[in-house]
């Protein structure tokens, strides 16, 4: 082969490899640690999250101004992003609940979070009632340019797969935070036969709550145990599909590791000792997802 031609081929291959490497390098996941079950101070918690490799934390905004200030100071001190939670208060008359929902969202967007995750509506509300909460959230999201996601969650409008598909088809701007562990127990399966049903959900998911559920409950006792391999693999497959789909149009995906504390975490009878360590399981999930997707 002609030396100059050979050199040109080598150069072209190197350029293509570099371009591919550059493109892959731009795709990333921002990992958030849940403060659900937190017992440490917020400063201690943020320090621990940063040391473990998290990019941020997901929290409910504290009610007191003092605690809010402590949260903001800890986030700044440790260089962490924040995702806030917001929810529909189902104990209030629906008009009051809707106002409180919107007012609190406006308070949250003023703090410039990375995103807001909503426990929206109720499984006992009508479609139109739930739609009002979704539309209020979507309008505020658009006005302030802060992503607002609606979590698939038992007890909310999105408590099952068929109903959620209806909402997606009728509300084009609806964006989901997929916590599919809820649906595993609601539908008493790993949804292996529902790939077509999941397509619309995956296409509209922009955030994940990573927790491994199973046909009899929303959280396995320890995802590292071999008896849960099929449930773990099923969740990982769905999570990867969601993330890679999102990466087609966005370079960054956000994900919260959300293995829960007791009593969401199974405990031993009488002593109430948890059967596994919540923090360790969440960090393990983060590392496993990074490894699965080839992230550093």
C-alpha atoms as a PDB file:
ATOM      1  CA  UNK A   1       0.000   0.000   0.000  1.00  0.00           C
ATOM      2  CA  UNK A   2       1.188   3.501  -0.808  1.00  0.00           C
ATOM      3  CA  UNK A   3       2.720   5.107   2.327  1.00  0.00           C
ATOM      4  CA  UNK A   4       0.855   8.385   1.894  1.00  0.00           C
ATOM      5  CA  UNK A   5      -2.451   6.534   1.394  1.00  0.00           C
ATOM      6  CA  UNK A   6      -1.762   4.411   4.475  1.00  0.00           C
ATOM      7  CA  UNK A   7      -1.002   7.527   6.507  1.00  0.00           C
ATOM      8  CA  UNK A   8      -4.223   9.156   5.327  1.00  0.00           C
ATOM      9  CA  UNK A   9      -6.260   6.110   6.383  1.00  0.00           C
ATOM     10  CA  UNK A  10      -4.606   6.038   9.819  1.00  0.00           C
ATOM     11  CA  UNK A  11      -5.262   9.771  10.224  1.00  0.00           C
ATOM     12  CA  UNK A  12      -8.922   9.351   9.268  1.00  0.00           C
ATOM     13  CA  UNK A  13      -9.389   6.471  11.735  1.00  0.00           C
ATOM     14  CA  UNK A  14      -7.760   8.507  14.513  1.00  0.00           C
ATOM     15  CA  UNK A  15     -10.033  11.479  13.811  1.00  0.00           C
ATOM     16  CA  UNK A  16     -13.151   9.284  13.867  1.00  0.00           C
ATOM     17  CA  UNK A  17     -12.076   7.654  17.128  1.00  0.00           C
ATOM     18  CA  UNK A  18     -11.381  11.047  18.662  1.00  0.00           C
ATOM     19  CA  UNK A  19     -14.753  12.360  17.538  1.00  0.00           C
ATOM     20  CA  UNK A  20     -16.494   9.316  18.972  1.00  0.00           C
ATOM     21  CA  UNK A  21     -14.586   9.616  22.234  1.00  0.00           C
ATOM     22  CA  UNK A  22     -15.412  13.305  22.452  1.00  0.00           C
ATOM     23  CA  UNK A  23     -19.115  12.671  21.886  1.00  0.00           C
ATOM     24  CA  UNK A  24     -19.231   9.919  24.477  1.00  0.00           C
ATOM     25  CA  UNK A  25     -17.350  12.102  26.916  1.00  0.00           C
ATOM     26  CA  UNK A  26     -20.074  14.723  26.718  1.00  0.00           C
ATOM     27  CA  UNK A  27     -22.765  12.322  27.895  1.00  0.00           C
ATOM     28  CA  UNK A  28     -23.071  12.237  31.667  1.00  0.00           C
ATOM     29  CA  UNK A  29     -25.303  11.470  34.609  1.00  0.00           C
ATOM     30  CA  UNK A  30     -25.649  13.770  37.586  1.00  0.00           C
ATOM     31  CA  UNK A  31     -26.201  11.546  40.610  1.00  0.00           C
ATOM     32  CA  UNK A  32     -28.278  12.756  43.559  1.00  0.00           C
ATOM     33  CA  UNK A  33     -28.428  11.124  46.982  1.00  0.00           C
ATOM     34  CA  UNK A  34     -31.745  11.046  48.795  1.00  0.00           C
ATOM     35  CA  UNK A  35     -31.819  12.490  52.294  1.00  0.00           C
ATOM     36  CA  UNK A  36     -34.808  10.253  53.099  1.00  0.00           C
ATOM     37  CA  UNK A  37     -34.069   8.810  56.530  1.00  0.00           C
ATOM     38  CA  UNK A  38     -31.226  11.250  57.222  1.00  0.00           C
ATOM     39  CA  UNK A  39     -30.173  11.410  60.903  1.00  0.00           C
ATOM     40  CA  UNK A  40     -26.941  13.423  60.545  1.00  0.00           C
ATOM     41  CA  UNK A  41     -26.825  17.199  60.291  1.00  0.00           C
ATOM     42  CA  UNK A  42     -27.314  18.538  56.788  1.00  0.00           C
ATOM     43  CA  UNK A  43     -23.671  19.640  56.702  1.00  0.00           C
ATOM     44  CA  UNK A  44     -22.468  16.160  57.684  1.00  0.00           C
ATOM     45  CA  UNK A  45     -24.797  14.586  55.153  1.00  0.00           C
ATOM     46  CA  UNK A  46     -23.583  16.827  52.318  1.00  0.00           C
ATOM     47  CA  UNK A  47     -19.955  16.192  53.221  1.00  0.00           C
ATOM     48  CA  UNK A  48     -20.562  12.431  53.120  1.00  0.00           C
ATOM     49  CA  UNK A  49     -22.474  12.635  49.827  1.00  0.00           C
ATOM     50  CA  UNK A  50     -19.701  14.639  48.168  1.00  0.00           C
ATOM     51  CA  UNK A  51     -17.039  12.220  49.403  1.00  0.00           C
ATOM     52  CA  UNK A  52     -19.042   9.284  48.008  1.00  0.00           C
ATOM     53  CA  UNK A  53     -19.056  10.831  44.525  1.00  0.00           C
ATOM     54  CA  UNK A  54     -22.524  12.385  44.352  1.00  0.00           C
ATOM     55  CA  UNK A  55     -23.186  15.544  42.350  1.00  0.00           C
ATOM     56  CA  UNK A  56     -26.114  16.653  44.506  1.00  0.00           C
ATOM     57  CA  UNK A  57     -28.806  15.704  46.981  1.00  0.00           C
ATOM     58  CA  UNK A  58     -32.589  15.423  46.721  1.00  0.00           C
ATOM     59  CA  UNK A  59     -34.577  16.887  49.631  1.00  0.00           C
ATOM     60  CA  UNK A  60     -37.833  18.384  50.766  1.00  0.00           C
ATOM     61  CA  UNK A  61     -37.254  22.064  51.528  1.00  0.00           C
ATOM     62  CA  UNK A  62     -37.209  22.468  55.318  1.00  0.00           C
ATOM     63  CA  UNK A  63     -40.078  24.467  56.784  1.00  0.00           C
ATOM     64  CA  UNK A  64     -38.023  26.745  59.028  1.00  0.00           C
ATOM     65  CA  UNK A  65     -35.916  29.584  57.638  1.00  0.00           C
ATOM     66  CA  UNK A  66     -33.008  28.534  59.867  1.00  0.00           C
ATOM     67  CA  UNK A  67     -32.951  25.023  58.414  1.00  0.00           C
ATOM     68  CA  UNK A  68     -33.345  26.390  54.899  1.00  0.00           C
ATOM     69  CA  UNK A  69     -30.294  28.583  55.408  1.00  0.00           C
ATOM     70  CA  UNK A  70     -28.320  25.644  56.811  1.00  0.00           C
ATOM     71  CA  UNK A  71     -29.237  23.606  53.742  1.00  0.00           C
ATOM     72  CA  UNK A  72     -28.168  26.316  51.302  1.00  0.00           C
ATOM     73  CA  UNK A  73     -24.907  26.883  53.179  1.00  0.00           C
ATOM     74  CA  UNK A  74     -24.104  23.160  53.206  1.00  0.00           C
ATOM     75  CA  UNK A  75     -24.801  22.856  49.466  1.00  0.00           C
ATOM     76  CA  UNK A  76     -22.501  25.798  48.733  1.00  0.00           C
ATOM     77  CA  UNK A  77     -19.781  24.620  51.110  1.00  0.00           C
ATOM     78  CA  UNK A  78     -19.579  21.146  49.596  1.00  0.00           C
ATOM     79  CA  UNK A  79     -20.229  22.116  45.974  1.00  0.00           C
ATOM     80  CA  UNK A  80     -23.424  20.129  45.567  1.00  0.00           C
ATOM     81  CA  UNK A  81     -26.474  20.653  43.378  1.00  0.00           C
ATOM     82  CA  UNK A  82     -29.989  20.182  44.724  1.00  0.00           C
ATOM     83  CA  UNK A  83     -33.196  18.606  43.517  1.00  0.00           C
ATOM     84  CA  UNK A  84     -36.307  19.520  45.478  1.00  0.00           C
ATOM     85  CA  UNK A  85     -39.463  17.536  46.141  1.00  0.00           C
ATOM     86  CA  UNK A  86     -42.988  18.900  46.006  1.00  0.00           C
ATOM     87  CA  UNK A  87     -46.293  17.169  46.646  1.00  0.00           C
ATOM     88  CA  UNK A  88     -50.066  17.364  46.512  1.00  0.00           C
ATOM     89  CA  UNK A  89     -51.590  17.523  49.984  1.00  0.00           C
ATOM     90  CA  UNK A  90     -54.474  15.072  49.646  1.00  0.00           C
ATOM     91  CA  UNK A  91     -55.923  15.977  53.055  1.00  0.00           C
ATOM     92  CA  UNK A  92     -56.929  19.495  51.938  1.00  0.00           C
ATOM     93  CA  UNK A  93     -59.941  20.470  49.818  1.00  0.00           C
ATOM     94  CA  UNK A  94     -58.767  20.253  46.235  1.00  0.00           C
ATOM     95  CA  UNK A  95     -58.825  24.012  45.598  1.00  0.00           C
ATOM     96  CA  UNK A  96     -56.686  24.732  48.665  1.00  0.00           C
ATOM     97  CA  UNK A  97     -54.405  21.845  47.818  1.00  0.00           C
ATOM     98  CA  UNK A  98     -53.865  23.108  44.276  1.00  0.00           C
ATOM     99  CA  UNK A  99     -52.981  26.609  45.523  1.00  0.00           C
ATOM    100  CA  UNK A 100     -50.546  25.239  48.101  1.00  0.00           C
ATOM    101  CA  UNK A 101     -48.979  23.008  45.454  1.00  0.00           C
ATOM    102  CA  UNK A 102     -48.390  25.924  43.088  1.00  0.00           C
ATOM    103  CA  UNK A 103     -47.256  28.355  45.786  1.00  0.00           C
ATOM    104  CA  UNK A 104     -44.657  25.921  47.056  1.00  0.00           C
ATOM    105  CA  UNK A 105     -43.405  25.247  43.541  1.00  0.00           C
ATOM    106  CA  UNK A 106     -42.816  28.973  43.055  1.00  0.00           C
ATOM    107  CA  UNK A 107     -40.854  29.053  46.296  1.00  0.00           C
ATOM    108  CA  UNK A 108     -38.716  26.144  45.122  1.00  0.00           C
ATOM    109  CA  UNK A 109     -37.935  27.486  41.636  1.00  0.00           C
ATOM    110  CA  UNK A 110     -36.736  30.740  43.223  1.00  0.00           C
ATOM    111  CA  UNK A 111     -33.882  28.722  44.759  1.00  0.00           C
ATOM    112  CA  UNK A 112     -32.704  27.546  41.302  1.00  0.00           C
ATOM    113  CA  UNK A 113     -32.629  23.779  41.834  1.00  0.00           C
ATOM    114  CA  UNK A 114     -31.387  21.406  39.155  1.00  0.00           C
ATOM    115  CA  UNK A 115     -34.931  19.980  38.982  1.00  0.00           C
ATOM    116  CA  UNK A 116     -38.109  19.516  41.031  1.00  0.00           C
ATOM    117  CA  UNK A 117     -39.724  16.121  41.510  1.00  0.00           C
ATOM    118  CA  UNK A 118     -43.455  16.091  42.266  1.00  0.00           C
ATOM    119  CA  UNK A 119     -45.687  13.598  44.025  1.00  0.00           C
ATOM    120  CA  UNK A 120     -48.618  14.797  41.969  1.00  0.00           C
ATOM    121  CA  UNK A 121     -52.341  14.416  42.475  1.00  0.00           C
ATOM    122  CA  UNK A 122     -54.062  11.347  43.840  1.00  0.00           C
ATOM    123  CA  UNK A 123     -55.224   7.937  42.681  1.00  0.00           C
ATOM    124  CA  UNK A 124     -58.672   8.991  43.980  1.00  0.00           C
ATOM    125  CA  UNK A 125     -58.834  12.228  41.944  1.00  0.00           C
ATOM    126  CA  UNK A 126     -60.493  12.333  38.546  1.00  0.00           C
ATOM    127  CA  UNK A 127     -58.433  12.765  35.399  1.00  0.00           C
ATOM    128  CA  UNK A 128     -59.408  16.441  35.184  1.00  0.00           C
ATOM    129  CA  UNK A 129     -58.526  17.094  38.822  1.00  0.00           C
ATOM    130  CA  UNK A 130     -55.095  15.524  38.453  1.00  0.00           C
ATOM    131  CA  UNK A 131     -54.599  17.363  35.192  1.00  0.00           C
ATOM    132  CA  UNK A 132     -54.939  20.730  36.953  1.00  0.00           C
ATOM    133  CA  UNK A 133     -51.964  19.908  39.203  1.00  0.00           C
ATOM    134  CA  UNK A 134     -49.874  18.736  36.252  1.00  0.00           C
ATOM    135  CA  UNK A 135     -50.697  21.868  34.250  1.00  0.00           C
ATOM    136  CA  UNK A 136     -49.845  24.210  37.142  1.00  0.00           C
ATOM    137  CA  UNK A 137     -46.476  22.474  37.515  1.00  0.00           C
ATOM    138  CA  UNK A 138     -45.774  22.534  33.788  1.00  0.00           C
ATOM    139  CA  UNK A 139     -46.628  26.239  33.528  1.00  0.00           C
ATOM    140  CA  UNK A 140     -44.270  27.130  36.392  1.00  0.00           C
ATOM    141  CA  UNK A 141     -41.569  24.923  34.884  1.00  0.00           C
ATOM    142  CA  UNK A 142     -41.846  26.761  31.570  1.00  0.00           C
ATOM    143  CA  UNK A 143     -41.956  30.215  33.158  1.00  0.00           C
ATOM    144  CA  UNK A 144     -38.857  29.696  35.305  1.00  0.00           C
ATOM    145  CA  UNK A 145     -37.011  27.280  33.008  1.00  0.00           C
ATOM    146  CA  UNK A 146     -36.619  24.721  35.799  1.00  0.00           C
ATOM    147  CA  UNK A 147     -37.461  21.080  34.990  1.00  0.00           C
ATOM    148  CA  UNK A 148     -40.462  19.774  36.938  1.00  0.00           C
ATOM    149  CA  UNK A 149     -41.035  16.035  36.795  1.00  0.00           C
ATOM    150  CA  UNK A 150     -43.985  13.958  37.958  1.00  0.00           C
ATOM    151  CA  UNK A 151     -43.011  10.772  39.759  1.00  0.00           C
ATOM    152  CA  UNK A 152     -44.586   7.409  39.036  1.00  0.00           C
ATOM    153  CA  UNK A 153     -45.741   6.645  42.551  1.00  0.00           C
ATOM    154  CA  UNK A 154     -48.372   4.628  44.392  1.00  0.00           C
ATOM    155  CA  UNK A 155     -51.188   6.807  45.668  1.00  0.00           C
ATOM    156  CA  UNK A 156     -50.705   9.412  42.907  1.00  0.00           C
ATOM    157  CA  UNK A 157     -52.156   9.882  39.409  1.00  0.00           C
ATOM    158  CA  UNK A 158     -49.301   7.759  38.070  1.00  0.00           C
ATOM    159  CA  UNK A 159     -49.779   4.769  40.362  1.00  0.00           C
ATOM    160  CA  UNK A 160     -50.055   2.282  37.496  1.00  0.00           C
ATOM    161  CA  UNK A 161     -48.838   1.851  33.945  1.00  0.00           C
ATOM    162  CA  UNK A 162     -52.145   1.902  31.978  1.00  0.00           C
ATOM    163  CA  UNK A 163     -53.437   5.093  33.613  1.00  0.00           C
ATOM    164  CA  UNK A 164     -50.065   6.804  33.216  1.00  0.00           C
ATOM    165  CA  UNK A 165     -50.120   6.025  29.488  1.00  0.00           C
ATOM    166  CA  UNK A 166     -53.500   7.778  29.276  1.00  0.00           C
ATOM    167  CA  UNK A 167     -52.098  10.908  30.951  1.00  0.00           C
ATOM    168  CA  UNK A 168     -49.090  10.877  28.605  1.00  0.00           C
ATOM    169  CA  UNK A 169     -51.307  10.631  25.537  1.00  0.00           C
ATOM    170  CA  UNK A 170     -53.563  13.489  26.640  1.00  0.00           C
ATOM    171  CA  UNK A 171     -50.987  15.851  28.176  1.00  0.00           C
ATOM    172  CA  UNK A 172     -48.146  16.329  25.654  1.00  0.00           C
ATOM    173  CA  UNK A 173     -45.893  18.332  28.011  1.00  0.00           C
ATOM    174  CA  UNK A 174     -46.018  15.776  30.821  1.00  0.00           C
ATOM    175  CA  UNK A 175     -42.501  14.687  31.853  1.00  0.00           C
ATOM    176  CA  UNK A 176     -41.932  11.790  34.212  1.00  0.00           C
ATOM    177  CA  UNK A 177     -39.578  10.797  36.952  1.00  0.00           C
ATOM    178  CA  UNK A 178     -39.764   7.030  36.573  1.00  0.00           C
ATOM    179  CA  UNK A 179     -39.638   5.047  39.803  1.00  0.00           C
ATOM    180  CA  UNK A 180     -40.627   1.751  38.281  1.00  0.00           C
ATOM    181  CA  UNK A 181     -40.239  -0.130  41.569  1.00  0.00           C
ATOM    182  CA  UNK A 182     -43.755   1.108  42.428  1.00  0.00           C
ATOM    183  CA  UNK A 183     -45.226  -0.470  39.317  1.00  0.00           C
ATOM    184  CA  UNK A 184     -43.487  -3.781  39.955  1.00  0.00           C
ATOM    185  CA  UNK A 185     -45.526  -4.281  43.113  1.00  0.00           C
ATOM    186  CA  UNK A 186     -48.721  -2.671  41.771  1.00  0.00           C
ATOM    187  CA  UNK A 187     -48.724  -5.008  38.784  1.00  0.00           C
ATOM    188  CA  UNK A 188     -47.217  -7.943  40.709  1.00  0.00           C
ATOM    189  CA  UNK A 189     -44.595  -8.562  38.038  1.00  0.00           C
ATOM    190  CA  UNK A 190     -41.337  -7.289  36.598  1.00  0.00           C
ATOM    191  CA  UNK A 191     -43.357  -6.091  33.580  1.00  0.00           C
ATOM    192  CA  UNK A 192     -41.481  -8.437  31.242  1.00  0.00           C
ATOM    193  CA  UNK A 193     -44.503  -8.690  28.936  1.00  0.00           C
ATOM    194  CA  UNK A 194     -45.136  -4.959  28.773  1.00  0.00           C
ATOM    195  CA  UNK A 195     -42.314  -3.684  26.576  1.00  0.00           C
ATOM    196  CA  UNK A 196     -44.696  -1.975  24.148  1.00  0.00           C
ATOM    197  CA  UNK A 197     -46.607  -0.327  27.011  1.00  0.00           C
ATOM    198  CA  UNK A 198     -43.343   0.998  28.437  1.00  0.00           C
ATOM    199  CA  UNK A 199     -42.230   2.657  25.205  1.00  0.00           C
ATOM    200  CA  UNK A 200     -44.270   5.822  25.762  1.00  0.00           C
ATOM    201  CA  UNK A 201     -43.139   6.002  29.385  1.00  0.00           C
ATOM    202  CA  UNK A 202     -39.463   5.646  28.506  1.00  0.00           C
ATOM    203  CA  UNK A 203     -39.781   8.299  25.803  1.00  0.00           C
ATOM    204  CA  UNK A 204     -41.182  10.827  28.307  1.00  0.00           C
ATOM    205  CA  UNK A 205     -38.907  10.070  31.266  1.00  0.00           C
ATOM    206  CA  UNK A 206     -36.285  12.692  32.101  1.00  0.00           C
ATOM    207  CA  UNK A 207     -35.286  11.625  35.623  1.00  0.00           C
ATOM    208  CA  UNK A 208     -34.995   8.342  37.509  1.00  0.00           C
ATOM    209  CA  UNK A 209     -35.448   7.200  41.067  1.00  0.00           C
ATOM    210  CA  UNK A 210     -33.221   4.152  41.236  1.00  0.00           C
ATOM    211  CA  UNK A 211     -34.565   1.557  43.634  1.00  0.00           C
ATOM    212  CA  UNK A 212     -35.067  -2.137  42.989  1.00  0.00           C
ATOM    213  CA  UNK A 213     -38.569  -3.449  43.598  1.00  0.00           C
ATOM    214  CA  UNK A 214     -40.152  -6.828  42.991  1.00  0.00           C
ATOM    215  CA  UNK A 215     -43.533  -8.435  42.456  1.00  0.00           C
ATOM    216  CA  UNK A 216     -44.357  -8.392  46.162  1.00  0.00           C
ATOM    217  CA  UNK A 217     -42.892  -5.093  47.273  1.00  0.00           C
ATOM    218  CA  UNK A 218     -41.316  -1.769  46.233  1.00  0.00           C
ATOM    219  CA  UNK A 219     -37.878  -2.552  47.690  1.00  0.00           C
ATOM    220  CA  UNK A 220     -35.803  -5.711  47.840  1.00  0.00           C
ATOM    221  CA  UNK A 221     -33.972  -6.247  51.110  1.00  0.00           C
ATOM    222  CA  UNK A 222     -30.494  -6.171  49.521  1.00  0.00           C
ATOM    223  CA  UNK A 223     -29.958  -5.744  45.784  1.00  0.00           C
ATOM    224  CA  UNK A 224     -26.537  -7.419  46.084  1.00  0.00           C
ATOM    225  CA  UNK A 225     -28.104 -10.745  47.140  1.00  0.00           C
ATOM    226  CA  UNK A 226     -28.128 -13.369  44.347  1.00  0.00           C
ATOM    227  CA  UNK A 227     -31.814 -14.164  44.814  1.00  0.00           C
ATOM    228  CA  UNK A 228     -32.658 -10.679  43.486  1.00  0.00           C
ATOM    229  CA  UNK A 229     -30.520 -10.877  40.334  1.00  0.00           C
ATOM    230  CA  UNK A 230     -33.492 -11.101  37.950  1.00  0.00           C
ATOM    231  CA  UNK A 231     -35.185  -8.079  39.566  1.00  0.00           C
ATOM    232  CA  UNK A 232     -31.929  -6.108  39.545  1.00  0.00           C
ATOM    233  CA  UNK A 233     -31.205  -6.950  35.911  1.00  0.00           C
ATOM    234  CA  UNK A 234     -34.733  -5.943  34.892  1.00  0.00           C
ATOM    235  CA  UNK A 235     -34.409  -2.553  36.556  1.00  0.00           C
ATOM    236  CA  UNK A 236     -30.941  -1.975  35.086  1.00  0.00           C
ATOM    237  CA  UNK A 237     -32.207  -2.795  31.599  1.00  0.00           C
ATOM    238  CA  UNK A 238     -35.054  -0.281  31.896  1.00  0.00           C
ATOM    239  CA  UNK A 239     -32.848   2.392  33.474  1.00  0.00           C
ATOM    240  CA  UNK A 240     -30.254   2.053  30.734  1.00  0.00           C
ATOM    241  CA  UNK A 241     -32.911   2.328  28.032  1.00  0.00           C
ATOM    242  CA  UNK A 242     -34.300   5.483  29.663  1.00  0.00           C
ATOM    243  CA  UNK A 243     -30.871   7.095  29.987  1.00  0.00           C
ATOM    244  CA  UNK A 244     -29.689   6.249  26.479  1.00  0.00           C
ATOM    245  CA  UNK A 245     -32.960   7.512  25.018  1.00  0.00           C
ATOM    246  CA  UNK A 246     -32.557  10.793  26.904  1.00  0.00           C
ATOM    247  CA  UNK A 247     -28.954  11.100  25.725  1.00  0.00           C
ATOM    248  CA  UNK A 248     -30.156  11.178  22.117  1.00  0.00           C
ATOM    249  CA  UNK A 249     -31.260  14.790  22.616  1.00  0.00           C
ATOM    250  CA  UNK A 250     -29.638  15.834  25.911  1.00  0.00           C
ATOM    251  CA  UNK A 251     -26.076  15.478  27.142  1.00  0.00           C
ATOM    252  CA  UNK A 252     -26.971  15.305  30.839  1.00  0.00           C
ATOM    253  CA  UNK A 253     -29.311  12.992  32.698  1.00  0.00           C
ATOM    254  CA  UNK A 254     -30.213  13.283  36.392  1.00  0.00           C
ATOM    255  CA  UNK A 255     -30.746  10.291  38.669  1.00  0.00           C
ATOM    256  CA  UNK A 256     -31.498   9.855  42.372  1.00  0.00           C
ATOM    257  CA  UNK A 257     -30.450   6.714  44.188  1.00  0.00           C
ATOM    258  CA  UNK A 258     -33.445   6.129  46.438  1.00  0.00           C
ATOM    259  CA  UNK A 259     -33.129   2.970  48.451  1.00  0.00           C
ATOM    260  CA  UNK A 260     -35.238   3.803  51.497  1.00  0.00           C
ATOM    261  CA  UNK A 261     -34.662   3.586  55.260  1.00  0.00           C
ATOM    262  CA  UNK A 262     -36.659   1.503  57.766  1.00  0.00           C
ATOM    263  CA  UNK A 263     -39.495   0.732  57.615  1.00  0.00           C
ATOM    264  CA  UNK A 264     -39.292   0.889  53.836  1.00  0.00           C
ATOM    265  CA  UNK A 265     -36.127  -1.084  54.362  1.00  0.00           C
ATOM    266  CA  UNK A 266     -37.152  -4.490  55.804  1.00  0.00           C
ATOM    267  CA  UNK A 267     -36.228  -4.964  59.450  1.00  0.00           C
ATOM    268  CA  UNK A 268     -35.846  -7.892  61.802  1.00  0.00           C
ATOM    269  CA  UNK A 269     -38.848  -8.579  64.040  1.00  0.00           C
ATOM    270  CA  UNK A 270     -38.854  -7.252  67.610  1.00  0.00           C
ATOM    271  CA  UNK A 271     -35.455  -5.524  67.359  1.00  0.00           C
ATOM    272  CA  UNK A 272     -36.380  -3.486  64.240  1.00  0.00           C
ATOM    273  CA  UNK A 273     -32.766  -3.752  63.086  1.00  0.00           C
ATOM    274  CA  UNK A 274     -32.550  -3.031  59.314  1.00  0.00           C
ATOM    275  CA  UNK A 275     -31.418  -6.021  57.267  1.00  0.00           C
ATOM    276  CA  UNK A 276     -29.040  -3.911  55.139  1.00  0.00           C
ATOM    277  CA  UNK A 277     -27.341  -0.511  55.169  1.00  0.00           C
ATOM    278  CA  UNK A 278     -29.300   2.079  53.188  1.00  0.00           C
ATOM    279  CA  UNK A 279     -26.304   4.299  52.468  1.00  0.00           C
ATOM    280  CA  UNK A 280     -24.170   1.415  51.239  1.00  0.00           C
ATOM    281  CA  UNK A 281     -26.926   0.191  48.918  1.00  0.00           C
ATOM    282  CA  UNK A 282     -27.436   3.625  47.368  1.00  0.00           C
ATOM    283  CA  UNK A 283     -23.702   4.108  46.766  1.00  0.00           C
ATOM    284  CA  UNK A 284     -23.491   0.573  45.350  1.00  0.00           C
ATOM    285  CA  UNK A 285     -26.334   1.370  42.926  1.00  0.00           C
ATOM    286  CA  UNK A 286     -24.600   4.541  41.772  1.00  0.00           C
ATOM    287  CA  UNK A 287     -21.342   2.700  41.105  1.00  0.00           C
ATOM    288  CA  UNK A 288     -23.147  -0.136  39.343  1.00  0.00           C
ATOM    289  CA  UNK A 289     -24.998   2.259  37.022  1.00  0.00           C
ATOM    290  CA  UNK A 290     -21.758   4.089  36.219  1.00  0.00           C
ATOM    291  CA  UNK A 291     -20.080   0.794  35.397  1.00  0.00           C
ATOM    292  CA  UNK A 292     -23.036  -0.372  33.303  1.00  0.00           C
ATOM    293  CA  UNK A 293     -22.904   2.821  31.187  1.00  0.00           C
ATOM    294  CA  UNK A 294     -19.145   3.099  31.016  1.00  0.00           C
ATOM    295  CA  UNK A 295     -18.923   6.287  33.079  1.00  0.00           C
ATOM    296  CA  UNK A 296     -15.957   7.249  35.234  1.00  0.00           C
END
